[in-house]
Amino acid sequence: MQAPRIIPADLTRGSFFDLLQDEDRSLSNIQVSEEDVSQQRIEHPMLDHVSFEKVRFTASRFERLDLTDSIFTNCDFSNGQFEKASWLRVEFKDCKLVGIDLNEAALNNVTFDHCQLDLAMLCDMRFKTVTFTNCRLNGTSFMNNRLASVKFNECDLDQVAFNDTALKNIDLSTCKFERLELDAAAARGMIVNSSQAAYLAAALIGIKVKP
């Protein structure tokens, strides 16, 4: 896992809306805090070497959002639409991403730490070296994805839909869920604990496991 190549203390304080003054819709080397960027519509914004804290992006639509070497702390992306995004070396800490739409995005070296991603749309995506730690993804759609070095550490995955996503070598043993949506082909090679294995045996092939 490669961390963002950024030192927040070296950044200049600024505003997200400085991006609107740039012809290329680009923003770099700034720190933004406690700003409301809700319900904005911007095509292909590009942010690199930025740090955002307590910024609200709720219900905004940024198609093809490029993020590089960026950190987001206590930010709210709820119901945002960010299809076809491209994120490289990005960290999300204590962020709210409920109902976010990231369909067809590509994530490389991205971490989600103590984030809420309930009901998120994470489909038709490419994940490379992505980690979810202590995150909640209840009801999230995680379908038709390509996964490489993806980790779920102590996450709540109840009712996540993993259809058409190969989970070989994906370790869910520290996570909790009552029900998952997946097929036997997708589950082949997935790593689970003994109680999860009993549930999956019953759900996928009808085997009943005695306690």
C-alpha atoms as a PDB file:
ATOM      1  CA  MET A   1       0.000   0.000   0.000  1.00  0.00           C
ATOM      2  CA  GLN A   2       1.404   3.379  -1.032  1.00  0.00           C
ATOM      3  CA  ALA A   3       0.327   6.297   1.154  1.00  0.00           C
ATOM      4  CA  PRO A   4      -0.446   9.703  -0.380  1.00  0.00           C
ATOM      5  CA  ARG A   5       2.747  11.557  -1.185  1.00  0.00           C
ATOM      6  CA  ILE A   6       1.704  14.674   0.632  1.00  0.00           C
ATOM      7  CA  ILE A   7       2.683  16.674   3.712  1.00  0.00           C
ATOM      8  CA  PRO A   8      -0.413  18.624   4.860  1.00  0.00           C
ATOM      9  CA  ALA A   9       1.689  21.110   6.845  1.00  0.00           C
ATOM     10  CA  ASP A  10       3.373  22.232   3.611  1.00  0.00           C
ATOM     11  CA  LEU A  11       0.112  23.015   1.843  1.00  0.00           C
ATOM     12  CA  THR A  12      -1.372  26.460   1.275  1.00  0.00           C
ATOM     13  CA  ARG A  13      -4.822  27.104   2.701  1.00  0.00           C
ATOM     14  CA  GLY A  14      -7.409  27.629   0.016  1.00  0.00           C
ATOM     15  CA  SER A  15     -10.925  26.937  -1.223  1.00  0.00           C
ATOM     16  CA  PHE A  16     -12.320  24.180  -3.401  1.00  0.00           C
ATOM     17  CA  PHE A  17     -13.987  26.885  -5.487  1.00  0.00           C
ATOM     18  CA  ASP A  18     -10.552  28.076  -6.625  1.00  0.00           C
ATOM     19  CA  LEU A  19     -10.884  25.168  -9.043  1.00  0.00           C
ATOM     20  CA  LEU A  20     -13.646  26.998 -10.897  1.00  0.00           C
ATOM     21  CA  GLN A  21     -11.218  29.774 -11.774  1.00  0.00           C
ATOM     22  CA  ASP A  22      -8.852  27.323 -13.457  1.00  0.00           C
ATOM     23  CA  GLU A  23      -9.388  26.642 -17.156  1.00  0.00           C
ATOM     24  CA  ASP A  24      -8.507  22.963 -16.711  1.00  0.00           C
ATOM     25  CA  ARG A  25     -10.630  22.560 -13.575  1.00  0.00           C
ATOM     26  CA  SER A  26      -7.490  21.635 -11.657  1.00  0.00           C
ATOM     27  CA  LEU A  27      -6.611  22.152  -7.989  1.00  0.00           C
ATOM     28  CA  SER A  28      -3.323  21.275  -6.294  1.00  0.00           C
ATOM     29  CA  ASN A  29      -1.153  21.822  -3.219  1.00  0.00           C
ATOM     30  CA  ILE A  30      -3.867  23.269  -0.994  1.00  0.00           C
ATOM     31  CA  GLN A  31      -5.594  22.492   2.272  1.00  0.00           C
ATOM     32  CA  VAL A  32      -9.344  23.089   2.601  1.00  0.00           C
ATOM     33  CA  SER A  33     -11.425  22.864   5.767  1.00  0.00           C
ATOM     34  CA  GLU A  34     -15.052  23.386   6.842  1.00  0.00           C
ATOM     35  CA  GLU A  35     -16.401  24.248   3.402  1.00  0.00           C
ATOM     36  CA  ASP A  36     -19.746  23.402   1.785  1.00  0.00           C
ATOM     37  CA  VAL A  37     -19.365  22.082  -1.750  1.00  0.00           C
ATOM     38  CA  SER A  38     -22.797  20.455  -1.920  1.00  0.00           C
ATOM     39  CA  GLN A  39     -24.838  20.105  -5.118  1.00  0.00           C
ATOM     40  CA  GLN A  40     -22.057  21.153  -7.468  1.00  0.00           C
ATOM     41  CA  ARG A  41     -21.856  19.910 -11.084  1.00  0.00           C
ATOM     42  CA  ILE A  42     -18.354  19.750 -12.548  1.00  0.00           C
ATOM     43  CA  GLU A  43     -17.059  17.557 -15.363  1.00  0.00           C
ATOM     44  CA  HIS A  44     -13.589  16.040 -14.975  1.00  0.00           C
ATOM     45  CA  PRO A  45     -12.202  17.997 -11.998  1.00  0.00           C
ATOM     46  CA  MET A  46      -8.579  17.154 -11.188  1.00  0.00           C
ATOM     47  CA  LEU A  47      -7.216  17.369  -7.633  1.00  0.00           C
ATOM     48  CA  ASP A  48      -3.716  16.414  -6.555  1.00  0.00           C
ATOM     49  CA  HIS A  49      -1.726  16.994  -3.387  1.00  0.00           C
ATOM     50  CA  VAL A  50      -4.770  18.279  -1.511  1.00  0.00           C
ATOM     51  CA  SER A  51      -6.050  17.781   2.021  1.00  0.00           C
ATOM     52  CA  PHE A  52      -9.722  18.267   2.886  1.00  0.00           C
ATOM     53  CA  GLU A  53     -11.180  18.288   6.393  1.00  0.00           C
ATOM     54  CA  LYS A  54     -14.861  18.669   7.314  1.00  0.00           C
ATOM     55  CA  VAL A  55     -15.861  19.494   3.740  1.00  0.00           C
ATOM     56  CA  ARG A  56     -19.351  18.620   2.461  1.00  0.00           C
ATOM     57  CA  PHE A  57     -19.681  17.253  -1.077  1.00  0.00           C
ATOM     58  CA  THR A  58     -23.235  15.956  -0.601  1.00  0.00           C
ATOM     59  CA  ALA A  59     -25.296  15.420  -3.748  1.00  0.00           C
ATOM     60  CA  SER A  60     -22.525  16.791  -5.968  1.00  0.00           C
ATOM     61  CA  ARG A  61     -21.812  15.314  -9.383  1.00  0.00           C
ATOM     62  CA  PHE A  62     -18.200  15.172 -10.553  1.00  0.00           C
ATOM     63  CA  GLU A  63     -17.953  12.891 -13.557  1.00  0.00           C
ATOM     64  CA  ARG A  64     -14.419  11.508 -14.050  1.00  0.00           C
ATOM     65  CA  LEU A  65     -13.089  12.953 -10.794  1.00  0.00           C
ATOM     66  CA  ASP A  66      -9.293  12.577 -10.768  1.00  0.00           C
ATOM     67  CA  LEU A  67      -7.698  12.386  -7.308  1.00  0.00           C
ATOM     68  CA  THR A  68      -3.978  11.918  -6.754  1.00  0.00           C
ATOM     69  CA  ASP A  69      -2.040  12.012  -3.460  1.00  0.00           C
ATOM     70  CA  SER A  70      -5.000  13.343  -1.491  1.00  0.00           C
ATOM     71  CA  ILE A  71      -6.395  13.015   2.044  1.00  0.00           C
ATOM     72  CA  PHE A  72     -10.010  13.475   3.142  1.00  0.00           C
ATOM     73  CA  THR A  73     -10.880  13.612   6.845  1.00  0.00           C
ATOM     74  CA  ASN A  74     -14.405  13.909   8.276  1.00  0.00           C
ATOM     75  CA  CYS A  75     -15.813  14.760   4.848  1.00  0.00           C
ATOM     76  CA  ASP A  76     -19.320  14.003   3.600  1.00  0.00           C
ATOM     77  CA  PHE A  77     -19.795  12.588   0.092  1.00  0.00           C
ATOM     78  CA  SER A  78     -23.340  11.276   0.659  1.00  0.00           C
ATOM     79  CA  ASN A  79     -25.389  10.752  -2.494  1.00  0.00           C
ATOM     80  CA  GLY A  80     -22.581  12.101  -4.639  1.00  0.00           C
ATOM     81  CA  GLN A  81     -22.206  10.915  -8.232  1.00  0.00           C
ATOM     82  CA  PHE A  82     -18.606  10.284  -9.247  1.00  0.00           C
ATOM     83  CA  GLU A  83     -18.863   7.811 -12.122  1.00  0.00           C
ATOM     84  CA  LYS A  84     -15.696   6.900 -14.025  1.00  0.00           C
ATOM     85  CA  ALA A  85     -13.462   8.423 -11.334  1.00  0.00           C
ATOM     86  CA  SER A  86      -9.732   7.726 -11.180  1.00  0.00           C
ATOM     87  CA  TRP A  87      -8.127   7.751  -7.717  1.00  0.00           C
ATOM     88  CA  LEU A  88      -4.450   7.132  -6.999  1.00  0.00           C
ATOM     89  CA  ARG A  89      -2.912   7.161  -3.494  1.00  0.00           C
ATOM     90  CA  VAL A  90      -5.927   8.567  -1.653  1.00  0.00           C
ATOM     91  CA  GLU A  91      -7.003   8.226   1.993  1.00  0.00           C
ATOM     92  CA  PHE A  92     -10.488   8.640   3.440  1.00  0.00           C
ATOM     93  CA  LYS A  93     -10.684   8.877   7.239  1.00  0.00           C
ATOM     94  CA  ASP A  94     -13.955   9.068   9.193  1.00  0.00           C
ATOM     95  CA  CYS A  95     -15.800  10.041   6.026  1.00  0.00           C
ATOM     96  CA  LYS A  96     -19.451   9.562   5.116  1.00  0.00           C
ATOM     97  CA  LEU A  97     -20.008   8.138   1.641  1.00  0.00           C
ATOM     98  CA  VAL A  98     -23.574   6.851   2.023  1.00  0.00           C
ATOM     99  CA  GLY A  99     -25.236   6.275  -1.343  1.00  0.00           C
ATOM    100  CA  ILE A 100     -22.170   7.388  -3.307  1.00  0.00           C
ATOM    101  CA  ASP A 101     -22.044   6.350  -6.977  1.00  0.00           C
ATOM    102  CA  LEU A 102     -18.576   5.290  -8.144  1.00  0.00           C
ATOM    103  CA  ASN A 103     -19.617   2.997 -10.975  1.00  0.00           C
ATOM    104  CA  GLU A 104     -16.899   2.366 -13.584  1.00  0.00           C
ATOM    105  CA  ALA A 105     -14.215   3.986 -11.417  1.00  0.00           C
ATOM    106  CA  ALA A 106     -10.596   2.877 -11.031  1.00  0.00           C
ATOM    107  CA  LEU A 107      -9.043   2.910  -7.541  1.00  0.00           C
ATOM    108  CA  ASN A 108      -5.334   2.314  -6.971  1.00  0.00           C
ATOM    109  CA  ASN A 109      -3.745   2.444  -3.497  1.00  0.00           C
ATOM    110  CA  VAL A 110      -6.849   3.830  -1.794  1.00  0.00           C
ATOM    111  CA  THR A 111      -7.792   3.378   1.872  1.00  0.00           C
ATOM    112  CA  PHE A 112     -11.116   3.828   3.637  1.00  0.00           C
ATOM    113  CA  ASP A 113     -10.686   4.019   7.423  1.00  0.00           C
ATOM    114  CA  HIS A 114     -13.762   4.161   9.701  1.00  0.00           C
ATOM    115  CA  CYS A 115     -15.982   5.278   6.831  1.00  0.00           C
ATOM    116  CA  GLN A 116     -19.682   4.794   6.120  1.00  0.00           C
ATOM    117  CA  LEU A 117     -20.439   3.440   2.643  1.00  0.00           C
ATOM    118  CA  ASP A 118     -23.966   2.104   3.158  1.00  0.00           C
ATOM    119  CA  LEU A 119     -25.982   1.736  -0.069  1.00  0.00           C
ATOM    120  CA  ALA A 120     -22.996   2.794  -2.162  1.00  0.00           C
ATOM    121  CA  MET A 121     -22.890   1.911  -5.859  1.00  0.00           C
ATOM    122  CA  LEU A 122     -19.471   0.344  -6.435  1.00  0.00           C
ATOM    123  CA  CYS A 123     -19.995  -1.623  -9.651  1.00  0.00           C
ATOM    124  CA  ASP A 124     -18.021  -2.268 -12.847  1.00  0.00           C
ATOM    125  CA  MET A 125     -14.913  -0.976 -11.084  1.00  0.00           C
ATOM    126  CA  ARG A 126     -11.210  -1.804 -10.924  1.00  0.00           C
ATOM    127  CA  PHE A 127      -9.732  -2.074  -7.419  1.00  0.00           C
ATOM    128  CA  LYS A 128      -5.963  -2.387  -7.001  1.00  0.00           C
ATOM    129  CA  THR A 129      -4.481  -2.336  -3.499  1.00  0.00           C
ATOM    130  CA  VAL A 130      -7.580  -0.984  -1.773  1.00  0.00           C
ATOM    131  CA  THR A 131      -8.255  -1.394   1.955  1.00  0.00           C
ATOM    132  CA  PHE A 132     -11.489  -0.988   3.914  1.00  0.00           C
ATOM    133  CA  THR A 133     -10.891  -0.863   7.688  1.00  0.00           C
ATOM    134  CA  ASN A 134     -13.688  -0.633  10.264  1.00  0.00           C
ATOM    135  CA  CYS A 135     -16.083   0.507   7.544  1.00  0.00           C
ATOM    136  CA  ARG A 136     -19.815  -0.010   7.204  1.00  0.00           C
ATOM    137  CA  LEU A 137     -21.046  -1.104   3.781  1.00  0.00           C
ATOM    138  CA  ASN A 138     -24.582  -2.294   4.536  1.00  0.00           C
ATOM    139  CA  GLY A 139     -26.574  -2.822   1.348  1.00  0.00           C
ATOM    140  CA  THR A 140     -23.717  -1.751  -0.912  1.00  0.00           C
ATOM    141  CA  SER A 141     -23.667  -2.940  -4.534  1.00  0.00           C
ATOM    142  CA  PHE A 142     -20.205  -4.376  -5.249  1.00  0.00           C
ATOM    143  CA  MET A 143     -20.941  -6.162  -8.503  1.00  0.00           C
ATOM    144  CA  ASN A 144     -18.916  -7.018 -11.603  1.00  0.00           C
ATOM    145  CA  ASN A 145     -15.670  -5.702 -10.145  1.00  0.00           C
ATOM    146  CA  ARG A 146     -12.044  -6.654 -10.745  1.00  0.00           C
ATOM    147  CA  LEU A 147     -10.138  -6.983  -7.477  1.00  0.00           C
ATOM    148  CA  ALA A 148      -6.385  -7.084  -6.872  1.00  0.00           C
ATOM    149  CA  SER A 149      -4.999  -6.917  -3.316  1.00  0.00           C
ATOM    150  CA  VAL A 150      -8.270  -5.762  -1.760  1.00  0.00           C
ATOM    151  CA  LYS A 151      -8.714  -6.072   2.013  1.00  0.00           C
ATOM    152  CA  PHE A 152     -11.745  -5.854   4.282  1.00  0.00           C
ATOM    153  CA  ASN A 153     -10.695  -5.480   7.943  1.00  0.00           C
ATOM    154  CA  GLU A 154     -13.433  -5.667  10.613  1.00  0.00           C
ATOM    155  CA  CYS A 155     -16.106  -4.228   8.320  1.00  0.00           C
ATOM    156  CA  ASP A 156     -19.889  -4.538   8.435  1.00  0.00           C
ATOM    157  CA  LEU A 157     -20.869  -6.125   5.113  1.00  0.00           C
ATOM    158  CA  ASP A 158     -24.475  -7.075   5.741  1.00  0.00           C
ATOM    159  CA  GLN A 159     -26.481  -7.427   2.512  1.00  0.00           C
ATOM    160  CA  VAL A 160     -23.580  -6.465   0.276  1.00  0.00           C
ATOM    161  CA  ALA A 161     -24.126  -7.685  -3.303  1.00  0.00           C
ATOM    162  CA  PHE A 162     -20.954  -9.353  -4.640  1.00  0.00           C
ATOM    163  CA  ASN A 163     -22.563 -10.822  -7.762  1.00  0.00           C
ATOM    164  CA  ASP A 164     -20.193 -11.361 -10.695  1.00  0.00           C
ATOM    165  CA  THR A 165     -17.187 -10.333  -8.586  1.00  0.00           C
ATOM    166  CA  ALA A 166     -14.529 -13.011  -8.102  1.00  0.00           C
ATOM    167  CA  LEU A 167     -13.609 -13.131  -4.403  1.00  0.00           C
ATOM    168  CA  LYS A 168     -10.706 -15.571  -4.605  1.00  0.00           C
ATOM    169  CA  ASN A 169      -8.228 -14.826  -1.766  1.00  0.00           C
ATOM    170  CA  ILE A 170     -10.447 -12.039  -0.416  1.00  0.00           C
ATOM    171  CA  ASP A 171     -10.477 -12.392   3.386  1.00  0.00           C
ATOM    172  CA  LEU A 172     -13.801 -11.610   5.068  1.00  0.00           C
ATOM    173  CA  SER A 173     -13.074 -13.536   8.257  1.00  0.00           C
ATOM    174  CA  THR A 174     -12.882 -10.456  10.502  1.00  0.00           C
ATOM    175  CA  CYS A 175     -16.047  -8.915   9.048  1.00  0.00           C
ATOM    176  CA  LYS A 176     -19.645  -9.327  10.102  1.00  0.00           C
ATOM    177  CA  PHE A 177     -22.747  -9.956   8.027  1.00  0.00           C
ATOM    178  CA  GLU A 178     -26.053 -11.767   8.298  1.00  0.00           C
ATOM    179  CA  ARG A 179     -26.570 -12.094   4.572  1.00  0.00           C
ATOM    180  CA  LEU A 180     -24.574 -11.590   1.395  1.00  0.00           C
ATOM    181  CA  GLU A 181     -25.649 -11.655  -2.224  1.00  0.00           C
ATOM    182  CA  LEU A 182     -23.234 -13.760  -4.256  1.00  0.00           C
ATOM    183  CA  ASP A 183     -23.105 -16.913  -6.319  1.00  0.00           C
ATOM    184  CA  ALA A 184     -21.016 -20.022  -5.848  1.00  0.00           C
ATOM    185  CA  ALA A 185     -18.624 -19.079  -8.638  1.00  0.00           C
ATOM    186  CA  ALA A 186     -17.907 -15.691  -7.090  1.00  0.00           C
ATOM    187  CA  ALA A 187     -17.386 -17.201  -3.624  1.00  0.00           C
ATOM    188  CA  ARG A 188     -14.847 -19.807  -4.753  1.00  0.00           C
ATOM    189  CA  GLY A 189     -11.557 -19.260  -2.916  1.00  0.00           C
ATOM    190  CA  MET A 190     -12.940 -16.621  -0.547  1.00  0.00           C
ATOM    191  CA  ILE A 191     -11.539 -16.727   3.005  1.00  0.00           C
ATOM    192  CA  VAL A 192     -14.074 -16.841   5.858  1.00  0.00           C
ATOM    193  CA  ASN A 193     -14.289 -17.990   9.476  1.00  0.00           C
ATOM    194  CA  SER A 194     -16.129 -21.123  10.621  1.00  0.00           C
ATOM    195  CA  SER A 195     -19.462 -19.462  11.434  1.00  0.00           C
ATOM    196  CA  GLN A 196     -19.446 -17.620   8.109  1.00  0.00           C
ATOM    197  CA  ALA A 197     -18.680 -20.888   6.333  1.00  0.00           C
ATOM    198  CA  ALA A 198     -21.799 -22.459   7.840  1.00  0.00           C
ATOM    199  CA  TYR A 199     -23.944 -19.606   6.580  1.00  0.00           C
ATOM    200  CA  LEU A 200     -22.428 -19.748   3.102  1.00  0.00           C
ATOM    201  CA  ALA A 201     -22.823 -23.507   2.878  1.00  0.00           C
ATOM    202  CA  ALA A 202     -26.523 -23.144   3.649  1.00  0.00           C
ATOM    203  CA  ALA A 203     -27.037 -20.126   1.408  1.00  0.00           C
ATOM    204  CA  LEU A 204     -25.130 -21.339  -1.643  1.00  0.00           C
ATOM    205  CA  ILE A 205     -25.586 -25.101  -1.748  1.00  0.00           C
ATOM    206  CA  GLY A 206     -28.270 -25.843   0.823  1.00  0.00           C
ATOM    207  CA  ILE A 207     -26.037 -27.708   3.279  1.00  0.00           C
ATOM    208  CA  LYS A 208     -27.169 -27.605   6.911  1.00  0.00           C
ATOM    209  CA  VAL A 209     -24.353 -27.398   9.458  1.00  0.00           C
ATOM    210  CA  LYS A 210     -25.021 -28.511  13.024  1.00  0.00           C
ATOM    211  CA  PRO A 211     -23.700 -26.186  15.746  1.00  0.00           C
END
